[in-house]
N, C-alpha and C. Protein backbone atom coordinates (compact mmCIF):
# COMPACT_ATOMS: atom_id res chain seq x y z
N UNK A 1 64.85 42.11 -27.69
CA UNK A 1 63.88 41.06 -27.72
C UNK A 1 62.35 41.41 -28.07
N UNK A 2 61.51 40.95 -28.41
CA UNK A 2 59.66 41.16 -27.95
C UNK A 2 59.06 41.29 -27.06
N UNK A 3 59.86 40.41 -26.28
CA UNK A 3 58.41 40.19 -25.04
C UNK A 3 59.36 40.79 -23.80
N UNK A 4 58.77 41.78 -23.15
CA UNK A 4 59.05 42.33 -21.84
C UNK A 4 59.18 41.32 -20.86
N UNK A 5 59.92 42.17 -19.83
CA UNK A 5 59.92 41.33 -18.46
C UNK A 5 58.45 41.63 -18.03
N UNK A 6 58.30 40.66 -16.97
CA UNK A 6 57.47 40.54 -16.09
C UNK A 6 57.71 40.72 -14.91
N UNK A 7 57.25 41.69 -14.24
CA UNK A 7 57.45 42.13 -12.41
C UNK A 7 56.22 41.58 -11.59
N UNK A 8 56.53 41.10 -10.55
CA UNK A 8 55.66 41.06 -9.35
C UNK A 8 55.00 42.23 -8.94
N UNK A 9 53.72 42.22 -8.60
CA UNK A 9 53.07 43.44 -8.39
C UNK A 9 53.38 43.49 -6.76
N UNK A 10 52.93 44.47 -6.24
CA UNK A 10 53.07 44.84 -4.91
C UNK A 10 51.71 44.74 -4.29
N UNK A 11 51.65 44.03 -3.15
CA UNK A 11 50.57 43.98 -2.23
C UNK A 11 49.77 45.79 -2.04
N UNK A 12 48.48 45.70 -1.99
CA UNK A 12 47.78 46.97 -1.97
C UNK A 12 47.47 47.24 -0.36
N UNK A 13 47.56 46.06 0.24
CA UNK A 13 47.24 46.16 1.94
C UNK A 13 45.97 45.68 2.37
N UNK A 14 45.43 45.54 1.48
CA UNK A 14 43.72 45.06 1.74
C UNK A 14 43.86 43.44 1.06
N UNK A 15 43.47 43.09 2.39
CA UNK A 15 43.23 41.34 1.83
C UNK A 15 42.14 40.70 2.24
N UNK A 16 41.29 40.44 1.10
CA UNK A 16 39.84 40.55 1.22
C UNK A 16 39.79 38.31 0.98
N UNK A 17 40.93 37.79 1.82
CA UNK A 17 40.64 36.52 1.74
C UNK A 17 39.67 35.95 2.99
N UNK A 18 40.25 34.55 3.02
CA UNK A 18 39.74 34.23 4.48
C UNK A 18 37.70 33.90 3.76
N UNK A 19 36.83 34.56 5.09
CA UNK A 19 35.29 34.25 4.82
C UNK A 19 34.88 35.47 3.74
N UNK A 20 35.28 36.08 3.88
CA UNK A 20 34.91 37.15 2.29
C UNK A 20 35.09 35.98 0.85
N UNK A 21 35.97 35.27 1.02
CA UNK A 21 36.54 34.63 -0.34
C UNK A 21 35.02 33.95 -0.48
N UNK A 22 34.75 32.91 0.53
CA UNK A 22 33.79 32.01 0.44
C UNK A 22 32.50 32.76 1.33
N UNK A 23 31.88 33.34 1.01
CA UNK A 23 30.96 34.07 1.08
C UNK A 23 29.61 33.78 0.04
N UNK A 24 30.03 34.26 -1.11
CA UNK A 24 29.45 33.86 -2.22
C UNK A 24 28.79 32.09 -2.30
N UNK A 25 30.07 31.85 -2.05
CA UNK A 25 30.11 30.15 -2.17
C UNK A 25 28.56 29.87 -1.17
N UNK A 26 28.73 29.98 -0.23
CA UNK A 26 27.93 29.87 0.73
C UNK A 26 26.62 30.43 0.76
N UNK A 27 26.63 31.57 0.38
CA UNK A 27 25.44 32.28 -0.08
C UNK A 27 24.57 31.28 -0.96
N UNK A 28 25.55 30.82 -1.93
CA UNK A 28 24.93 29.73 -3.00
C UNK A 28 24.08 28.64 -2.67
N UNK A 29 24.71 28.19 -1.33
CA UNK A 29 24.12 26.80 -0.88
C UNK A 29 22.99 26.91 -0.07
N UNK A 30 22.67 28.22 0.55
CA UNK A 30 21.92 28.74 1.47
C UNK A 30 20.52 29.20 0.47
N UNK A 31 20.99 29.45 -0.28
CA UNK A 31 19.52 29.45 -1.65
C UNK A 31 19.31 28.51 -2.28
N UNK A 32 19.59 27.47 -2.34
CA UNK A 32 19.82 26.07 -3.19
C UNK A 32 19.03 25.55 -2.40
N UNK A 33 19.61 25.45 -0.62
CA UNK A 33 18.72 24.48 -0.05
C UNK A 33 17.06 24.73 -0.01
N UNK A 34 16.91 26.31 0.38
CA UNK A 34 15.64 26.89 0.27
C UNK A 34 14.81 26.99 -1.03
N UNK A 35 15.36 27.27 -1.85
CA UNK A 35 15.21 26.94 -3.14
C UNK A 35 14.44 25.14 -3.64
N UNK A 36 15.37 24.50 -3.41
CA UNK A 36 15.65 23.22 -3.94
C UNK A 36 14.88 21.70 -2.93
N UNK A 37 15.76 21.95 -1.92
CA UNK A 37 15.95 20.79 -0.79
C UNK A 37 15.40 20.78 -0.02
N UNK A 38 14.36 22.27 0.50
CA UNK A 38 13.73 21.69 1.58
C UNK A 38 12.19 21.71 1.07
N UNK A 39 11.86 22.07 -0.06
CA UNK A 39 10.50 21.85 -0.96
C UNK A 39 10.81 20.31 -1.16
N UNK A 40 11.21 19.74 -1.66
CA UNK A 40 11.43 18.25 -1.77
C UNK A 40 11.34 17.53 -0.60
N UNK A 41 12.02 17.88 0.24
CA UNK A 41 11.97 17.05 1.14
C UNK A 41 10.54 17.14 2.07
N UNK A 42 9.94 18.46 1.93
CA UNK A 42 8.47 18.77 2.45
C UNK A 42 7.46 17.59 1.73
N UNK A 43 7.63 17.21 0.17
CA UNK A 43 6.90 17.14 -0.48
C UNK A 43 6.89 15.42 -0.41
N UNK A 44 8.39 14.90 -0.20
CA UNK A 44 8.64 13.72 0.00
C UNK A 44 7.56 13.27 1.76
N UNK A 45 7.70 13.82 2.71
CA UNK A 45 7.11 13.77 3.54
C UNK A 45 5.10 13.88 3.64
N UNK A 46 4.95 14.61 2.50
CA UNK A 46 3.39 14.37 2.83
C UNK A 46 3.54 12.50 2.19
N UNK A 47 4.23 12.80 0.74
CA UNK A 47 3.76 11.29 0.41
C UNK A 47 3.69 10.64 1.00
N UNK A 48 4.85 10.55 1.92
CA UNK A 48 5.00 9.06 2.85
C UNK A 48 4.10 9.12 3.95
N UNK A 49 3.56 10.22 4.41
CA UNK A 49 2.35 10.42 5.73
C UNK A 49 0.82 10.11 4.79
N UNK A 50 0.60 10.47 3.28
CA UNK A 50 -0.61 9.84 2.99
C UNK A 50 -0.81 8.16 2.47
N UNK A 51 0.97 7.94 1.85
CA UNK A 51 0.89 6.30 1.83
C UNK A 51 0.09 5.48 3.22
N UNK A 52 1.14 6.15 4.52
CA UNK A 52 1.09 5.75 5.40
C UNK A 52 -1.16 5.49 5.99
N UNK A 53 -1.51 6.77 5.59
CA UNK A 53 -2.74 6.40 6.00
C UNK A 53 -3.90 6.04 4.78
N UNK A 54 -3.15 5.79 3.83
CA UNK A 54 -4.15 4.74 3.37
C UNK A 54 -5.37 3.91 3.73
N UNK A 55 -6.32 4.06 3.48
CA UNK A 55 -7.56 2.68 4.11
C UNK A 55 -7.82 1.92 2.85
N UNK A 56 -8.66 0.93 3.35
CA UNK A 56 -9.44 0.10 2.16
C UNK A 56 -10.59 0.95 2.14
N UNK A 57 -11.26 1.17 0.69
CA UNK A 57 -12.35 1.94 0.27
C UNK A 57 -12.19 4.05 0.20
N UNK A 58 -10.68 3.66 0.35
CA UNK A 58 -10.25 4.85 -0.53
C UNK A 58 -10.25 5.45 -1.88
N UNK A 59 -10.20 6.07 -2.32
CA UNK A 59 -10.28 6.22 -3.80
C UNK A 59 -8.88 7.23 -4.60
N UNK A 60 -8.06 6.53 -5.06
CA UNK A 60 -7.00 7.13 -5.44
C UNK A 60 -6.63 7.06 -6.91
N UNK A 61 -5.79 7.91 -7.10
CA UNK A 61 -5.31 7.94 -8.55
C UNK A 61 -3.93 7.75 -8.70
N UNK A 62 -3.38 6.71 -9.44
CA UNK A 62 -1.88 6.43 -9.64
C UNK A 62 -1.12 6.49 -10.32
N UNK A 63 0.07 6.58 -10.59
CA UNK A 63 1.14 7.14 -11.55
C UNK A 63 0.67 6.99 -12.71
N UNK A 64 0.14 6.00 -13.15
CA UNK A 64 -0.49 6.03 -14.60
C UNK A 64 -1.37 6.44 -15.07
N UNK A 65 -2.00 7.52 -14.05
CA UNK A 65 -3.86 7.98 -14.23
C UNK A 65 -4.82 6.93 -14.41
N UNK A 66 -4.22 5.91 -13.62
CA UNK A 66 -5.69 5.26 -13.38
C UNK A 66 -6.58 5.42 -12.12
N UNK A 67 -7.78 5.45 -12.34
CA UNK A 67 -8.53 6.42 -11.26
C UNK A 67 -9.10 4.58 -10.62
N UNK A 68 -8.95 4.56 -9.14
CA UNK A 68 -9.97 3.47 -8.67
C UNK A 68 -9.98 3.37 -7.34
N UNK A 69 -10.73 2.60 -7.03
CA UNK A 69 -11.15 2.16 -5.18
C UNK A 69 -9.97 1.03 -4.52
N UNK A 70 -9.39 1.53 -3.74
CA UNK A 70 -8.52 0.49 -2.93
C UNK A 70 -9.41 -0.23 -2.09
N UNK A 71 -8.93 -1.71 -3.01
CA UNK A 71 -10.02 -2.96 -2.12
C UNK A 71 -9.03 -3.67 -0.80
N UNK A 72 -7.99 -3.85 -0.94
CA UNK A 72 -6.83 -4.42 0.47
C UNK A 72 -5.34 -3.66 0.05
N UNK A 73 -5.49 -3.92 1.22
CA UNK A 73 -3.91 -3.19 1.89
C UNK A 73 -2.58 -4.22 1.85
N UNK A 74 -1.77 -4.75 1.46
CA UNK A 74 -1.01 -5.28 2.23
C UNK A 74 0.64 -4.81 2.27
N UNK A 75 1.50 -5.58 2.89
CA UNK A 75 2.62 -4.70 3.20
C UNK A 75 3.38 -3.56 2.15
N UNK A 76 3.57 -3.87 1.12
CA UNK A 76 3.93 -2.93 0.01
C UNK A 76 3.26 -2.84 -1.31
N UNK A 77 1.84 -3.75 -0.90
CA UNK A 77 1.36 -3.64 -2.14
C UNK A 77 -0.31 -3.61 -2.03
N UNK A 78 -0.99 -2.73 -2.91
CA UNK A 78 -2.32 -2.57 -2.48
C UNK A 78 -3.18 -3.14 -3.71
N UNK A 79 -4.19 -3.90 -3.64
CA UNK A 79 -5.12 -3.93 -4.93
C UNK A 79 -6.20 -2.89 -4.86
N UNK A 80 -6.14 -2.66 -6.19
CA UNK A 80 -7.23 -1.63 -6.71
C UNK A 80 -8.52 -1.85 -7.32
N UNK A 81 -9.54 -1.49 -7.71
CA UNK A 81 -10.72 -2.06 -8.16
C UNK A 81 -10.62 -1.03 -9.14
N UNK A 82 -10.41 -1.25 -10.31
CA UNK A 82 -10.41 -0.10 -11.46
C UNK A 82 -11.90 0.08 -12.33
N UNK A 83 -12.51 -1.20 -12.27
CA UNK A 83 -14.06 -1.29 -13.05
C UNK A 83 -14.71 -2.48 -12.09
N UNK A 84 -15.89 -2.64 -12.34
CA UNK A 84 -16.70 -3.70 -11.75
C UNK A 84 -15.96 -5.01 -12.12
N UNK A 85 -15.39 -5.62 -10.82
CA UNK A 85 -14.75 -7.56 -11.53
C UNK A 85 -13.89 -7.01 -11.67
N UNK A 86 -13.11 -6.19 -12.06
CA UNK A 86 -11.37 -5.47 -12.71
C UNK A 86 -10.75 -4.97 -11.47
N UNK A 87 -9.46 -6.05 -10.94
CA UNK A 87 -8.62 -5.53 -10.05
C UNK A 87 -7.32 -5.60 -10.26
N UNK A 88 -6.47 -4.68 -9.89
CA UNK A 88 -4.79 -4.13 -10.27
C UNK A 88 -4.28 -4.73 -8.64
N UNK A 89 -2.88 -5.34 -8.88
CA UNK A 89 -2.59 -5.40 -7.82
C UNK A 89 -1.06 -4.74 -8.33
N UNK A 90 -0.63 -3.54 -6.84
CA UNK A 90 0.22 -2.12 -7.56
C UNK A 90 0.95 -1.86 -6.34
N UNK A 91 2.12 -1.14 -6.62
CA UNK A 91 2.77 -1.36 -5.29
C UNK A 91 2.10 -0.15 -4.22
N UNK A 92 2.67 0.35 -3.26
CA UNK A 92 2.27 1.75 -2.79
C UNK A 92 2.33 2.46 -3.44
N UNK A 93 3.54 2.52 -3.67
CA UNK A 93 4.43 4.10 -4.30
C UNK A 93 3.83 4.57 -5.57
N UNK A 94 3.01 3.34 -5.99
CA UNK A 94 2.65 3.99 -7.34
C UNK A 94 0.94 4.94 -7.08
N UNK A 95 0.58 5.07 -6.08
CA UNK A 95 -0.46 5.45 -5.63
C UNK A 95 -0.10 7.05 -5.52
N UNK A 96 -0.64 8.33 -6.35
CA UNK A 96 -0.11 9.63 -6.27
C UNK A 96 -0.85 10.39 -5.59
N UNK A 97 -2.24 10.13 -5.19
CA UNK A 97 -3.08 11.06 -4.71
C UNK A 97 -4.61 10.34 -4.22
N UNK A 98 -4.91 11.07 -2.93
CA UNK A 98 -6.17 10.02 -2.91
C UNK A 98 -7.02 11.35 -2.67
N UNK A 99 -8.29 10.86 -3.16
CA UNK A 99 -9.45 11.46 -4.07
C UNK A 99 -10.53 11.85 -2.95
N UNK A 100 -11.02 12.62 -2.82
CA UNK A 100 -12.52 12.76 -1.66
C UNK A 100 -13.40 11.94 -2.10
N UNK A 101 -13.90 11.31 -1.26
CA UNK A 101 -15.04 10.15 -0.95
C UNK A 101 -16.35 10.29 -2.12
N UNK A 102 -16.47 9.87 -3.19
CA UNK A 102 -17.54 9.42 -3.76
C UNK A 102 -17.28 10.27 -5.13
N UNK A 103 -15.75 10.73 -5.69
CA UNK A 103 -15.22 11.34 -6.54
C UNK A 103 -15.76 10.28 -7.54
N UNK A 104 -15.38 8.94 -7.63
CA UNK A 104 -15.74 7.73 -8.78
C UNK A 104 -17.19 7.99 -9.22
N UNK A 105 -17.53 7.88 -8.36
CA UNK A 105 -19.44 8.03 -8.59
C UNK A 105 -19.83 8.71 -9.49
N UNK A 106 -18.82 9.98 -9.42
CA UNK A 106 -19.78 11.51 -10.37
C UNK A 106 -19.10 11.28 -11.16
N UNK A 107 -18.20 10.56 -11.58
CA UNK A 107 -17.68 10.59 -13.12
C UNK A 107 -18.17 9.60 -13.97
């Protein structure tokens, strides 16, 4: 015949199964947590605190890059004045950053 017989190999006596087999996978999850999940959770917490501290008179930047001054705050909406006499109603989540006071006057 052209194909030779295959025989089972005997064990070497050292079993590296169990915890040692899962160690690389466990290590990957730990690294993934510290590199991706933890910083994202920290960023979400900072954003939530910033939106809770939002007050009338704050100068903000929105997701679309619009700069304006908060004129009123409702439950989930904010009224932002983007120019003299021009107000826009937007969701609180659209606010990405609160600027220091007086920033819009300098621009």
